[in-house]
Amino acid sequence: MATGLAEATKDTFRDMVAQGPVVVDVWGPQCAPCIALMPDVEALAQARPDVKFVKLDSSQARRLCMELRVMGLPAFLLFQDGREVARLAGQDVNAARLTQWLDDTLAATGKEGN
């Protein structure tokens, strides 16, 4: 699986999360915690080649964010086979919490990355 963060758009999103595990980083250019966390998300994406990481700019995909019921940023959604299975959101998210959430959620679902 490719490492790094891929850019999703409202048009490419469904195809990008069709096979998992996929972590979607929903962020916004006006969200200071999102910007501050971005280097940590990129590092985690590099460290976890078994998981696909996708970023979605909420300002460019507002309708999709409404469909996904994203109420606050930053938000991280874990998809398996096109279906959301877990979510982590809030301004108190940090690199350690994100990593622990991902590890715990993958272990709980029994869906370690390929």
C-alpha atoms as a PDB file:
ATOM      1  CA  MET A   1       0.000   0.000   0.000  1.00  0.00           C
ATOM      2  CA  ALA A   2       1.277   3.500  -0.720  1.00  0.00           C
ATOM      3  CA  THR A   3       2.587   5.611   2.119  1.00  0.00           C
ATOM      4  CA  GLY A   4       1.858   9.249   2.763  1.00  0.00           C
ATOM      5  CA  LEU A   5      -1.350  11.225   2.567  1.00  0.00           C
ATOM      6  CA  ALA A   6      -3.451  11.249  -0.556  1.00  0.00           C
ATOM      7  CA  GLU A   7      -5.751  14.199  -1.270  1.00  0.00           C
ATOM      8  CA  ALA A   8      -9.434  13.309  -1.507  1.00  0.00           C
ATOM      9  CA  THR A   9     -12.078  15.464  -3.140  1.00  0.00           C
ATOM     10  CA  LYS A  10     -15.837  15.193  -3.087  1.00  0.00           C
ATOM     11  CA  ASP A  11     -15.538  13.384  -6.436  1.00  0.00           C
ATOM     12  CA  THR A  12     -12.799  10.902  -5.480  1.00  0.00           C
ATOM     13  CA  PHE A  13     -13.706  10.242  -1.849  1.00  0.00           C
ATOM     14  CA  ARG A  14     -15.926   7.157  -2.266  1.00  0.00           C
ATOM     15  CA  ASP A  15     -13.353   5.364  -4.427  1.00  0.00           C
ATOM     16  CA  MET A  16     -10.554   6.221  -2.005  1.00  0.00           C
ATOM     17  CA  VAL A  17     -12.310   4.657   0.996  1.00  0.00           C
ATOM     18  CA  ALA A  18     -13.705   1.643  -0.862  1.00  0.00           C
ATOM     19  CA  GLN A  19     -11.021  -0.666   0.526  1.00  0.00           C
ATOM     20  CA  GLY A  20      -9.543  -0.330   3.960  1.00  0.00           C
ATOM     21  CA  PRO A  21      -8.331   0.329   6.391  1.00  0.00           C
ATOM     22  CA  VAL A  22      -8.402   4.008   5.455  1.00  0.00           C
ATOM     23  CA  VAL A  23      -7.955   6.922   7.865  1.00  0.00           C
ATOM     24  CA  VAL A  24      -9.570  10.111   6.602  1.00  0.00           C
ATOM     25  CA  ASP A  25      -8.144  13.306   8.074  1.00  0.00           C
ATOM     26  CA  VAL A  26     -10.894  15.904   7.748  1.00  0.00           C
ATOM     27  CA  TRP A  27      -9.254  19.287   8.138  1.00  0.00           C
ATOM     28  CA  GLY A  28      -9.735  22.912   7.204  1.00  0.00           C
ATOM     29  CA  PRO A  29      -7.363  25.709   6.227  1.00  0.00           C
ATOM     30  CA  GLN A  30      -8.737  27.935   9.025  1.00  0.00           C
ATOM     31  CA  CYS A  31      -8.376  25.204  11.687  1.00  0.00           C
ATOM     32  CA  ALA A  32      -5.202  25.904  13.679  1.00  0.00           C
ATOM     33  CA  PRO A  33      -5.221  22.496  15.459  1.00  0.00           C
ATOM     34  CA  CYS A  34      -5.591  20.809  12.047  1.00  0.00           C
ATOM     35  CA  ILE A  35      -2.565  22.635  10.669  1.00  0.00           C
ATOM     36  CA  ALA A  36      -0.513  21.977  13.797  1.00  0.00           C
ATOM     37  CA  LEU A  37      -1.315  18.256  13.698  1.00  0.00           C
ATOM     38  CA  MET A  38      -0.608  17.805   9.982  1.00  0.00           C
ATOM     39  CA  PRO A  39       3.134  16.941  10.333  1.00  0.00           C
ATOM     40  CA  ASP A  40       2.237  14.281  12.914  1.00  0.00           C
ATOM     41  CA  VAL A  41      -0.430  12.812  10.626  1.00  0.00           C
ATOM     42  CA  GLU A  42       2.065  12.731   7.761  1.00  0.00           C
ATOM     43  CA  ALA A  43       4.631  10.992  10.001  1.00  0.00           C
ATOM     44  CA  LEU A  44       2.025   8.442  11.110  1.00  0.00           C
ATOM     45  CA  ALA A  45       1.071   7.801   7.488  1.00  0.00           C
ATOM     46  CA  GLN A  46       4.733   7.129   6.674  1.00  0.00           C
ATOM     47  CA  ALA A  47       5.115   4.858   9.708  1.00  0.00           C
ATOM     48  CA  ARG A  48       1.977   2.834   8.934  1.00  0.00           C
ATOM     49  CA  PRO A  49       2.165   1.630   5.313  1.00  0.00           C
ATOM     50  CA  ASP A  50      -0.481  -0.980   6.220  1.00  0.00           C
ATOM     51  CA  VAL A  51      -3.086   1.787   6.475  1.00  0.00           C
ATOM     52  CA  LYS A  52      -4.113   4.202   3.741  1.00  0.00           C
ATOM     53  CA  PHE A  53      -4.271   7.853   4.846  1.00  0.00           C
ATOM     54  CA  VAL A  54      -6.399  10.411   3.032  1.00  0.00           C
ATOM     55  CA  LYS A  55      -6.916  14.080   3.773  1.00  0.00           C
ATOM     56  CA  LEU A  56     -10.158  15.843   2.992  1.00  0.00           C
ATOM     57  CA  ASP A  57     -10.340  19.643   2.978  1.00  0.00           C
ATOM     58  CA  SER A  58     -13.674  20.437   4.607  1.00  0.00           C
ATOM     59  CA  SER A  59     -13.820  23.853   2.953  1.00  0.00           C
ATOM     60  CA  GLN A  60     -13.780  22.192  -0.480  1.00  0.00           C
ATOM     61  CA  ALA A  61     -16.179  19.350   0.387  1.00  0.00           C
ATOM     62  CA  ARG A  62     -18.856  20.885   2.610  1.00  0.00           C
ATOM     63  CA  ARG A  63     -21.751  18.745   1.402  1.00  0.00           C
ATOM     64  CA  LEU A  64     -19.709  15.573   1.825  1.00  0.00           C
ATOM     65  CA  CYS A  65     -18.731  16.644   5.350  1.00  0.00           C
ATOM     66  CA  MET A  66     -22.412  17.168   6.140  1.00  0.00           C
ATOM     67  CA  GLU A  67     -23.201  13.681   4.805  1.00  0.00           C
ATOM     68  CA  LEU A  68     -20.423  12.276   6.986  1.00  0.00           C
ATOM     69  CA  ARG A  69     -21.815  14.247   9.956  1.00  0.00           C
ATOM     70  CA  VAL A  70     -18.506  15.942  10.679  1.00  0.00           C
ATOM     71  CA  MET A  71     -19.351  18.500  13.353  1.00  0.00           C
ATOM     72  CA  GLY A  72     -15.905  19.692  14.401  1.00  0.00           C
ATOM     73  CA  LEU A  73     -12.303  19.729  13.303  1.00  0.00           C
ATOM     74  CA  PRO A  74      -9.935  18.059  13.284  1.00  0.00           C
ATOM     75  CA  ALA A  75     -11.793  14.816  12.664  1.00  0.00           C
ATOM     76  CA  PHE A  76     -10.370  11.402  11.848  1.00  0.00           C
ATOM     77  CA  LEU A  77     -12.626   8.746  10.375  1.00  0.00           C
ATOM     78  CA  LEU A  78     -11.597   5.127   9.962  1.00  0.00           C
ATOM     79  CA  PHE A  79     -13.163   3.323   7.014  1.00  0.00           C
ATOM     80  CA  GLN A  80     -13.220  -0.392   6.289  1.00  0.00           C
ATOM     81  CA  ASP A  81     -14.535  -1.487   2.909  1.00  0.00           C
ATOM     82  CA  GLY A  82     -16.280   1.822   2.272  1.00  0.00           C
ATOM     83  CA  ARG A  83     -17.985   1.984   5.666  1.00  0.00           C
ATOM     84  CA  GLU A  84     -17.042   4.186   8.611  1.00  0.00           C
ATOM     85  CA  VAL A  85     -16.186   2.050  11.638  1.00  0.00           C
ATOM     86  CA  ALA A  86     -14.698   4.604  14.058  1.00  0.00           C
ATOM     87  CA  ARG A  87     -14.128   8.302  14.562  1.00  0.00           C
ATOM     88  CA  LEU A  88     -11.906  10.570  16.643  1.00  0.00           C
ATOM     89  CA  ALA A  89     -12.532  14.305  16.744  1.00  0.00           C
ATOM     90  CA  GLY A  90     -11.799  17.418  18.725  1.00  0.00           C
ATOM     91  CA  GLN A  91      -9.203  20.059  19.266  1.00  0.00           C
ATOM     92  CA  ASP A  92      -7.550  17.982  22.004  1.00  0.00           C
ATOM     93  CA  VAL A  93      -6.399  15.312  19.524  1.00  0.00           C
ATOM     94  CA  ASN A  94      -2.626  14.960  19.486  1.00  0.00           C
ATOM     95  CA  ALA A  95      -0.185  12.562  17.825  1.00  0.00           C
ATOM     96  CA  ALA A  96      -0.084  10.121  20.738  1.00  0.00           C
ATOM     97  CA  ARG A  97      -3.873  10.011  21.048  1.00  0.00           C
ATOM     98  CA  LEU A  98      -4.308   9.556  17.298  1.00  0.00           C
ATOM     99  CA  THR A  99      -1.793   6.701  17.183  1.00  0.00           C
ATOM    100  CA  GLN A 100      -3.355   4.969  20.201  1.00  0.00           C
ATOM    101  CA  TRP A 101      -6.863   5.360  18.732  1.00  0.00           C
ATOM    102  CA  LEU A 102      -5.757   3.850  15.434  1.00  0.00           C
ATOM    103  CA  ASP A 103      -3.945   0.920  17.073  1.00  0.00           C
ATOM    104  CA  ASP A 104      -6.788   0.202  19.500  1.00  0.00           C
ATOM    105  CA  THR A 105      -9.500   0.484  16.847  1.00  0.00           C
ATOM    106  CA  LEU A 106      -7.715  -1.784  14.362  1.00  0.00           C
ATOM    107  CA  ALA A 107      -7.083  -4.346  17.093  1.00  0.00           C
ATOM    108  CA  ALA A 108     -10.728  -4.209  18.245  1.00  0.00           C
ATOM    109  CA  THR A 109     -12.109  -4.632  14.738  1.00  0.00           C
ATOM    110  CA  GLY A 110      -9.629  -7.377  13.909  1.00  0.00           C
ATOM    111  CA  LYS A 111      -8.868  -5.483  10.698  1.00  0.00           C
ATOM    112  CA  GLU A 112      -5.160  -4.864  10.829  1.00  0.00           C
ATOM    113  CA  GLY A 113      -3.872  -3.252   7.658  1.00  0.00           C
ATOM    114  CA  ASN A 114      -2.886  -5.343   4.681  1.00  0.00           C
END
